[in-house]
Amino acid sequence: MSAHIRRILTTVEETLIEGGRPVDPPVRRAVCAAVIRNPFAGRFVEDLSSLSEIGAELGDLLPRRAVAALRQAGGAPVESFGKAALVGEDGELEHAAAILHPRLGAPFRDILGGGAALIPSSKKRGGVGAPFDVPLGHKDAARVRSHFDGIEARVPDGPRPDEIVVAVAVAASGRPHPRVGGLTKHEIEGKDGER
């Protein structure tokens, strides 16, 4: 593996009550984050392809762990997915983009057995312990409004200035008690990743 990984954290979140009402089955989300060394921290480099290679490696490693944690918690098959990165202060947002976009998605989808929709993503710069959100969306139809969601990630001792925290998230459903209308998961056509 070309990624120099210092730490991996996996968290499962279960929502049992929302708005004073039971959530049955509970909404389960899992996030898996890796703290990696940023090989380009503190300097401008034109060719970021080595970060894209790291993205492919993490696109295989992190979703496997997130999906396993979700299953262990009793989560149904994955319905939603997302990805995000928090870059330490000596890095660039483009470093996060190079990891998240060119090659991370294909292995992520392979692990899930599909996923026609674009994987929601976010990039942020922050210091040690900074929280960041991993956006979630339905894996097969981006317009399923009940699945517009997210999960917070945070690494207590990262990222250091020369590190990047890369995270993926999966969920077994949409939000608890969705009721704002729009396309439902039961109406998915599965033709274009949108509907």
C-alpha atoms as a PDB file:
ATOM      1  CA  MET A   1       0.000   0.000   0.000  1.00  0.00           C
ATOM      2  CA  SER A   2       1.377   3.394  -0.930  1.00  0.00           C
ATOM      3  CA  ALA A   3      -0.732   5.219   1.669  1.00  0.00           C
ATOM      4  CA  HIS A   4       1.198   5.816   4.863  1.00  0.00           C
ATOM      5  CA  ILE A   5      -1.652   5.196   7.351  1.00  0.00           C
ATOM      6  CA  ARG A   6      -1.105   6.257  10.952  1.00  0.00           C
ATOM      7  CA  ARG A   7      -4.541   5.443  12.318  1.00  0.00           C
ATOM      8  CA  ILE A   8      -7.944   4.032  11.322  1.00  0.00           C
ATOM      9  CA  LEU A   9     -11.151   4.748  13.234  1.00  0.00           C
ATOM     10  CA  THR A  10     -14.538   3.152  12.621  1.00  0.00           C
ATOM     11  CA  THR A  11     -17.730   4.385  14.254  1.00  0.00           C
ATOM     12  CA  VAL A  12     -21.318   3.165  14.095  1.00  0.00           C
ATOM     13  CA  GLU A  13     -24.154   5.490  14.997  1.00  0.00           C
ATOM     14  CA  GLU A  14     -27.658   4.203  15.796  1.00  0.00           C
ATOM     15  CA  THR A  15     -30.633   6.524  16.160  1.00  0.00           C
ATOM     16  CA  LEU A  16     -33.309   4.887  18.321  1.00  0.00           C
ATOM     17  CA  ILE A  17     -35.504   7.904  19.108  1.00  0.00           C
ATOM     18  CA  GLU A  18     -35.982  11.013  16.977  1.00  0.00           C
ATOM     19  CA  GLY A  19     -38.433  13.802  17.733  1.00  0.00           C
ATOM     20  CA  GLY A  20     -39.561  11.925  20.821  1.00  0.00           C
ATOM     21  CA  ARG A  21     -40.688   8.960  18.725  1.00  0.00           C
ATOM     22  CA  PRO A  22     -39.123   5.515  18.442  1.00  0.00           C
ATOM     23  CA  VAL A  23     -37.260   4.758  15.224  1.00  0.00           C
ATOM     24  CA  ASP A  24     -37.990   1.169  14.204  1.00  0.00           C
ATOM     25  CA  PRO A  25     -35.814  -0.180  12.800  1.00  0.00           C
ATOM     26  CA  PRO A  26     -33.111   2.160  14.125  1.00  0.00           C
ATOM     27  CA  VAL A  27     -31.293   4.319  11.594  1.00  0.00           C
ATOM     28  CA  ARG A  28     -27.758   2.976  11.380  1.00  0.00           C
ATOM     29  CA  ARG A  29     -24.806   4.790   9.849  1.00  0.00           C
ATOM     30  CA  ALA A  30     -21.123   3.843   9.866  1.00  0.00           C
ATOM     31  CA  VAL A  31     -18.075   5.925   9.091  1.00  0.00           C
ATOM     32  CA  CYS A  32     -14.521   4.692   8.661  1.00  0.00           C
ATOM     33  CA  ALA A  33     -11.657   7.192   8.579  1.00  0.00           C
ATOM     34  CA  ALA A  34      -7.938   6.807   7.915  1.00  0.00           C
ATOM     35  CA  VAL A  35      -5.314   9.320   8.980  1.00  0.00           C
ATOM     36  CA  ILE A  36      -2.657   9.364   6.282  1.00  0.00           C
ATOM     37  CA  ARG A  37       0.562  11.264   5.708  1.00  0.00           C
ATOM     38  CA  ASN A  38       0.228  13.937   3.049  1.00  0.00           C
ATOM     39  CA  PRO A  39       3.272  13.482   0.805  1.00  0.00           C
ATOM     40  CA  PHE A  40       2.782  16.977  -0.656  1.00  0.00           C
ATOM     41  CA  ALA A  41       2.237  18.945   2.551  1.00  0.00           C
ATOM     42  CA  GLY A  42       3.938  22.308   2.481  1.00  0.00           C
ATOM     43  CA  ARG A  43       4.795  22.361  -1.216  1.00  0.00           C
ATOM     44  CA  PHE A  44       2.999  22.843  -4.517  1.00  0.00           C
ATOM     45  CA  VAL A  45       3.158  19.810  -6.821  1.00  0.00           C
ATOM     46  CA  GLU A  46       1.544  19.745 -10.258  1.00  0.00           C
ATOM     47  CA  ASP A  47       1.145  15.969 -10.630  1.00  0.00           C
ATOM     48  CA  LEU A  48      -1.152  14.591  -7.918  1.00  0.00           C
ATOM     49  CA  SER A  49      -1.592  11.142  -9.478  1.00  0.00           C
ATOM     50  CA  SER A  50       0.062   9.392  -6.532  1.00  0.00           C
ATOM     51  CA  LEU A  51      -2.731  10.748  -4.325  1.00  0.00           C
ATOM     52  CA  SER A  52      -5.253   9.260  -6.761  1.00  0.00           C
ATOM     53  CA  GLU A  53      -3.536   5.881  -6.303  1.00  0.00           C
ATOM     54  CA  ILE A  54      -3.941   6.309  -2.553  1.00  0.00           C
ATOM     55  CA  GLY A  55      -7.614   7.048  -3.192  1.00  0.00           C
ATOM     56  CA  ALA A  56      -8.010   3.727  -5.001  1.00  0.00           C
ATOM     57  CA  GLU A  57      -6.387   1.880  -2.092  1.00  0.00           C
ATOM     58  CA  LEU A  58      -8.544   3.633   0.487  1.00  0.00           C
ATOM     59  CA  GLY A  59     -11.601   3.082  -1.722  1.00  0.00           C
ATOM     60  CA  ASP A  60     -11.086  -0.617  -1.147  1.00  0.00           C
ATOM     61  CA  LEU A  61     -10.016  -0.578   2.508  1.00  0.00           C
ATOM     62  CA  LEU A  62     -12.344   1.932   4.166  1.00  0.00           C
ATOM     63  CA  PRO A  63     -15.698   0.823   2.699  1.00  0.00           C
ATOM     64  CA  ARG A  64     -14.972  -2.803   3.631  1.00  0.00           C
ATOM     65  CA  ARG A  65     -14.534  -1.780   7.248  1.00  0.00           C
ATOM     66  CA  ALA A  66     -17.533   0.559   7.258  1.00  0.00           C
ATOM     67  CA  VAL A  67     -19.823  -2.060   5.711  1.00  0.00           C
ATOM     68  CA  ALA A  68     -18.586  -4.752   8.130  1.00  0.00           C
ATOM     69  CA  ALA A  69     -19.241  -2.456  11.108  1.00  0.00           C
ATOM     70  CA  LEU A  70     -22.714  -1.609   9.821  1.00  0.00           C
ATOM     71  CA  ARG A  71     -23.558  -5.291   9.381  1.00  0.00           C
ATOM     72  CA  GLN A  72     -22.215  -6.164  12.825  1.00  0.00           C
ATOM     73  CA  ALA A  73     -24.523  -3.529  14.302  1.00  0.00           C
ATOM     74  CA  GLY A  74     -27.497  -5.154  12.600  1.00  0.00           C
ATOM     75  CA  GLY A  75     -27.693  -2.809   9.660  1.00  0.00           C
ATOM     76  CA  ALA A  76     -29.579  -3.944   6.588  1.00  0.00           C
ATOM     77  CA  PRO A  77     -27.935  -3.763   3.169  1.00  0.00           C
ATOM     78  CA  VAL A  78     -26.322  -0.416   2.418  1.00  0.00           C
ATOM     79  CA  GLU A  79     -28.668   2.150   0.874  1.00  0.00           C
ATOM     80  CA  SER A  80     -26.574   5.325   1.187  1.00  0.00           C
ATOM     81  CA  PHE A  81     -22.940   6.283   0.782  1.00  0.00           C
ATOM     82  CA  GLY A  82     -20.604   9.247   0.998  1.00  0.00           C
ATOM     83  CA  LYS A  83     -16.960  10.326   1.224  1.00  0.00           C
ATOM     84  CA  ALA A  84     -15.031  13.246   2.681  1.00  0.00           C
ATOM     85  CA  ALA A  85     -11.552  14.439   3.593  1.00  0.00           C
ATOM     86  CA  LEU A  86     -10.105  16.826   6.137  1.00  0.00           C
ATOM     87  CA  VAL A  87      -6.737  18.241   5.092  1.00  0.00           C
ATOM     88  CA  GLY A  88      -4.191  19.387   7.667  1.00  0.00           C
ATOM     89  CA  GLU A  89      -3.029  23.006   7.554  1.00  0.00           C
ATOM     90  CA  ASP A  90       0.046  22.363   5.370  1.00  0.00           C
ATOM     91  CA  GLY A  91      -2.040  20.705   2.652  1.00  0.00           C
ATOM     92  CA  GLU A  92      -4.355  21.893  -0.107  1.00  0.00           C
ATOM     93  CA  LEU A  93      -8.008  21.136  -0.752  1.00  0.00           C
ATOM     94  CA  GLU A  94      -6.848  19.822  -4.121  1.00  0.00           C
ATOM     95  CA  HIS A  95      -4.972  17.072  -2.270  1.00  0.00           C
ATOM     96  CA  ALA A  96      -8.318  15.917  -0.876  1.00  0.00           C
ATOM     97  CA  ALA A  97      -9.884  16.116  -4.341  1.00  0.00           C
ATOM     98  CA  ALA A  98      -7.091  13.992  -5.817  1.00  0.00           C
ATOM     99  CA  ILE A  99      -7.803  11.279  -3.251  1.00  0.00           C
ATOM    100  CA  LEU A 100     -11.607  11.403  -3.344  1.00  0.00           C
ATOM    101  CA  HIS A 101     -12.515  11.848  -6.992  1.00  0.00           C
ATOM    102  CA  PRO A 102     -10.527  10.071  -9.696  1.00  0.00           C
ATOM    103  CA  ARG A 103     -10.274   6.533  -8.288  1.00  0.00           C
ATOM    104  CA  LEU A 104     -11.868   6.072  -4.849  1.00  0.00           C
ATOM    105  CA  GLY A 105     -15.406   5.542  -6.164  1.00  0.00           C
ATOM    106  CA  ALA A 106     -14.962   2.442  -8.331  1.00  0.00           C
ATOM    107  CA  PRO A 107     -13.702   0.119  -5.569  1.00  0.00           C
ATOM    108  CA  PHE A 108     -16.285   1.585  -3.179  1.00  0.00           C
ATOM    109  CA  ARG A 109     -19.068   0.647  -5.619  1.00  0.00           C
ATOM    110  CA  ASP A 110     -17.534  -2.809  -6.186  1.00  0.00           C
ATOM    111  CA  ILE A 111     -17.717  -3.523  -2.450  1.00  0.00           C
ATOM    112  CA  LEU A 112     -21.371  -2.465  -2.382  1.00  0.00           C
ATOM    113  CA  GLY A 113     -22.222  -4.453  -5.488  1.00  0.00           C
ATOM    114  CA  GLY A 114     -23.242  -1.324  -7.368  1.00  0.00           C
ATOM    115  CA  GLY A 115     -24.192   2.268  -6.831  1.00  0.00           C
ATOM    116  CA  ALA A 116     -25.268   4.230  -9.888  1.00  0.00           C
ATOM    117  CA  ALA A 117     -25.467   7.641  -8.201  1.00  0.00           C
ATOM    118  CA  LEU A 118     -22.594  10.045  -7.762  1.00  0.00           C
ATOM    119  CA  ILE A 119     -21.020   9.606  -4.337  1.00  0.00           C
ATOM    120  CA  PRO A 120     -21.666  12.758  -2.298  1.00  0.00           C
ATOM    121  CA  SER A 121     -18.423  14.298  -1.072  1.00  0.00           C
ATOM    122  CA  SER A 122     -16.931  17.156   0.878  1.00  0.00           C
ATOM    123  CA  LYS A 123     -13.481  18.607   1.458  1.00  0.00           C
ATOM    124  CA  LYS A 124     -12.329  20.808   4.297  1.00  0.00           C
ATOM    125  CA  ARG A 125      -9.125  22.117   5.864  1.00  0.00           C
ATOM    126  CA  GLY A 126      -8.798  21.900   9.624  1.00  0.00           C
ATOM    127  CA  GLY A 127      -6.578  21.243  12.578  1.00  0.00           C
ATOM    128  CA  VAL A 128      -6.208  18.399  15.036  1.00  0.00           C
ATOM    129  CA  GLY A 129      -9.571  17.153  16.262  1.00  0.00           C
ATOM    130  CA  ALA A 130     -11.630  19.296  13.887  1.00  0.00           C
ATOM    131  CA  PRO A 131     -15.026  17.774  13.115  1.00  0.00           C
ATOM    132  CA  PHE A 132     -16.109  17.367   9.512  1.00  0.00           C
ATOM    133  CA  ASP A 133     -19.237  15.987   7.876  1.00  0.00           C
ATOM    134  CA  VAL A 134     -19.469  13.086   5.465  1.00  0.00           C
ATOM    135  CA  PRO A 135     -22.533  13.719   3.280  1.00  0.00           C
ATOM    136  CA  LEU A 136     -24.765  10.772   2.455  1.00  0.00           C
ATOM    137  CA  GLY A 137     -27.053  10.100  -0.487  1.00  0.00           C
ATOM    138  CA  HIS A 138     -28.889   7.090  -1.886  1.00  0.00           C
ATOM    139  CA  LYS A 139     -26.391   4.909  -3.730  1.00  0.00           C
ATOM    140  CA  ASP A 140     -28.612   4.200  -6.727  1.00  0.00           C
ATOM    141  CA  ALA A 141     -30.727   7.331  -7.144  1.00  0.00           C
ATOM    142  CA  ALA A 142     -29.362  10.719  -6.137  1.00  0.00           C
ATOM    143  CA  ARG A 143     -32.812  12.336  -5.971  1.00  0.00           C
ATOM    144  CA  VAL A 144     -34.184  10.177  -3.150  1.00  0.00           C
ATOM    145  CA  ARG A 145     -34.754  13.059  -0.743  1.00  0.00           C
ATOM    146  CA  SER A 146     -35.216  10.885   2.366  1.00  0.00           C
ATOM    147  CA  HIS A 147     -31.575   9.836   2.024  1.00  0.00           C
ATOM    148  CA  PHE A 148     -30.061  13.355   1.934  1.00  0.00           C
ATOM    149  CA  ASP A 149     -28.160  12.938   5.172  1.00  0.00           C
ATOM    150  CA  GLY A 150     -24.726  12.922   6.744  1.00  0.00           C
ATOM    151  CA  ILE A 151     -22.594  11.782   9.629  1.00  0.00           C
ATOM    152  CA  GLU A 152     -19.973  13.686  11.559  1.00  0.00           C
ATOM    153  CA  ALA A 153     -16.419  12.383  11.691  1.00  0.00           C
ATOM    154  CA  ARG A 154     -13.616  13.453  13.999  1.00  0.00           C
ATOM    155  CA  VAL A 155     -10.183  12.114  14.845  1.00  0.00           C
ATOM    156  CA  PRO A 156      -8.978  13.259  18.279  1.00  0.00           C
ATOM    157  CA  ASP A 157      -5.313  13.531  17.235  1.00  0.00           C
ATOM    158  CA  GLY A 158      -5.571  14.294  13.551  1.00  0.00           C
ATOM    159  CA  PRO A 159      -5.008  15.617  11.083  1.00  0.00           C
ATOM    160  CA  ARG A 160      -1.613  16.946  11.978  1.00  0.00           C
ATOM    161  CA  PRO A 161      -0.375  19.695   9.625  1.00  0.00           C
ATOM    162  CA  ASP A 162       1.169  17.123   7.263  1.00  0.00           C
ATOM    163  CA  GLU A 163      -1.760  14.690   7.281  1.00  0.00           C
ATOM    164  CA  ILE A 164      -5.136  14.110   5.679  1.00  0.00           C
ATOM    165  CA  VAL A 165      -8.093  12.319   7.237  1.00  0.00           C
ATOM    166  CA  VAL A 166     -10.018  10.408   4.570  1.00  0.00           C
ATOM    167  CA  ALA A 167     -13.451   9.035   5.470  1.00  0.00           C
ATOM    168  CA  VAL A 168     -16.214   7.027   3.860  1.00  0.00           C
ATOM    169  CA  ALA A 169     -19.688   6.504   5.268  1.00  0.00           C
ATOM    170  CA  VAL A 170     -22.509   4.074   4.629  1.00  0.00           C
ATOM    171  CA  ALA A 171     -26.061   3.885   5.939  1.00  0.00           C
ATOM    172  CA  ALA A 172     -28.731   1.214   5.941  1.00  0.00           C
ATOM    173  CA  SER A 173     -31.555   3.711   5.385  1.00  0.00           C
ATOM    174  CA  GLY A 174     -32.377   7.364   5.069  1.00  0.00           C
ATOM    175  CA  ARG A 175     -33.105   9.831   7.856  1.00  0.00           C
ATOM    176  CA  PRO A 176     -35.388   8.931  10.757  1.00  0.00           C
ATOM    177  CA  HIS A 177     -39.077   9.693  10.077  1.00  0.00           C
ATOM    178  CA  PRO A 178     -38.580  11.325   6.637  1.00  0.00           C
ATOM    179  CA  ARG A 179     -41.577  13.421   5.641  1.00  0.00           C
ATOM    180  CA  VAL A 180     -40.510  16.233   3.300  1.00  0.00           C
ATOM    181  CA  GLY A 181     -41.740  14.526   0.137  1.00  0.00           C
ATOM    182  CA  GLY A 182     -39.907  13.859  -3.081  1.00  0.00           C
ATOM    183  CA  LEU A 183     -38.821  10.631  -4.715  1.00  0.00           C
ATOM    184  CA  THR A 184     -38.954   7.645  -2.358  1.00  0.00           C
ATOM    185  CA  LYS A 185     -36.690   4.615  -2.432  1.00  0.00           C
ATOM    186  CA  HIS A 186     -39.675   2.514  -3.544  1.00  0.00           C
ATOM    187  CA  GLU A 187     -40.046   4.681  -6.680  1.00  0.00           C
ATOM    188  CA  ILE A 188     -36.460   4.286  -7.905  1.00  0.00           C
ATOM    189  CA  GLU A 189     -36.226   3.474 -11.607  1.00  0.00           C
ATOM    190  CA  GLY A 190     -32.483   2.813 -11.524  1.00  0.00           C
ATOM    191  CA  LYS A 191     -31.779   4.063 -15.052  1.00  0.00           C
ATOM    192  CA  ASP A 192     -29.388   6.971 -14.669  1.00  0.00           C
ATOM    193  CA  GLY A 193     -28.308   7.298 -11.049  1.00  0.00           C
ATOM    194  CA  GLU A 194     -30.665  10.257 -10.646  1.00  0.00           C
ATOM    195  CA  ARG A 195     -34.106   8.602 -10.296  1.00  0.00           C
END
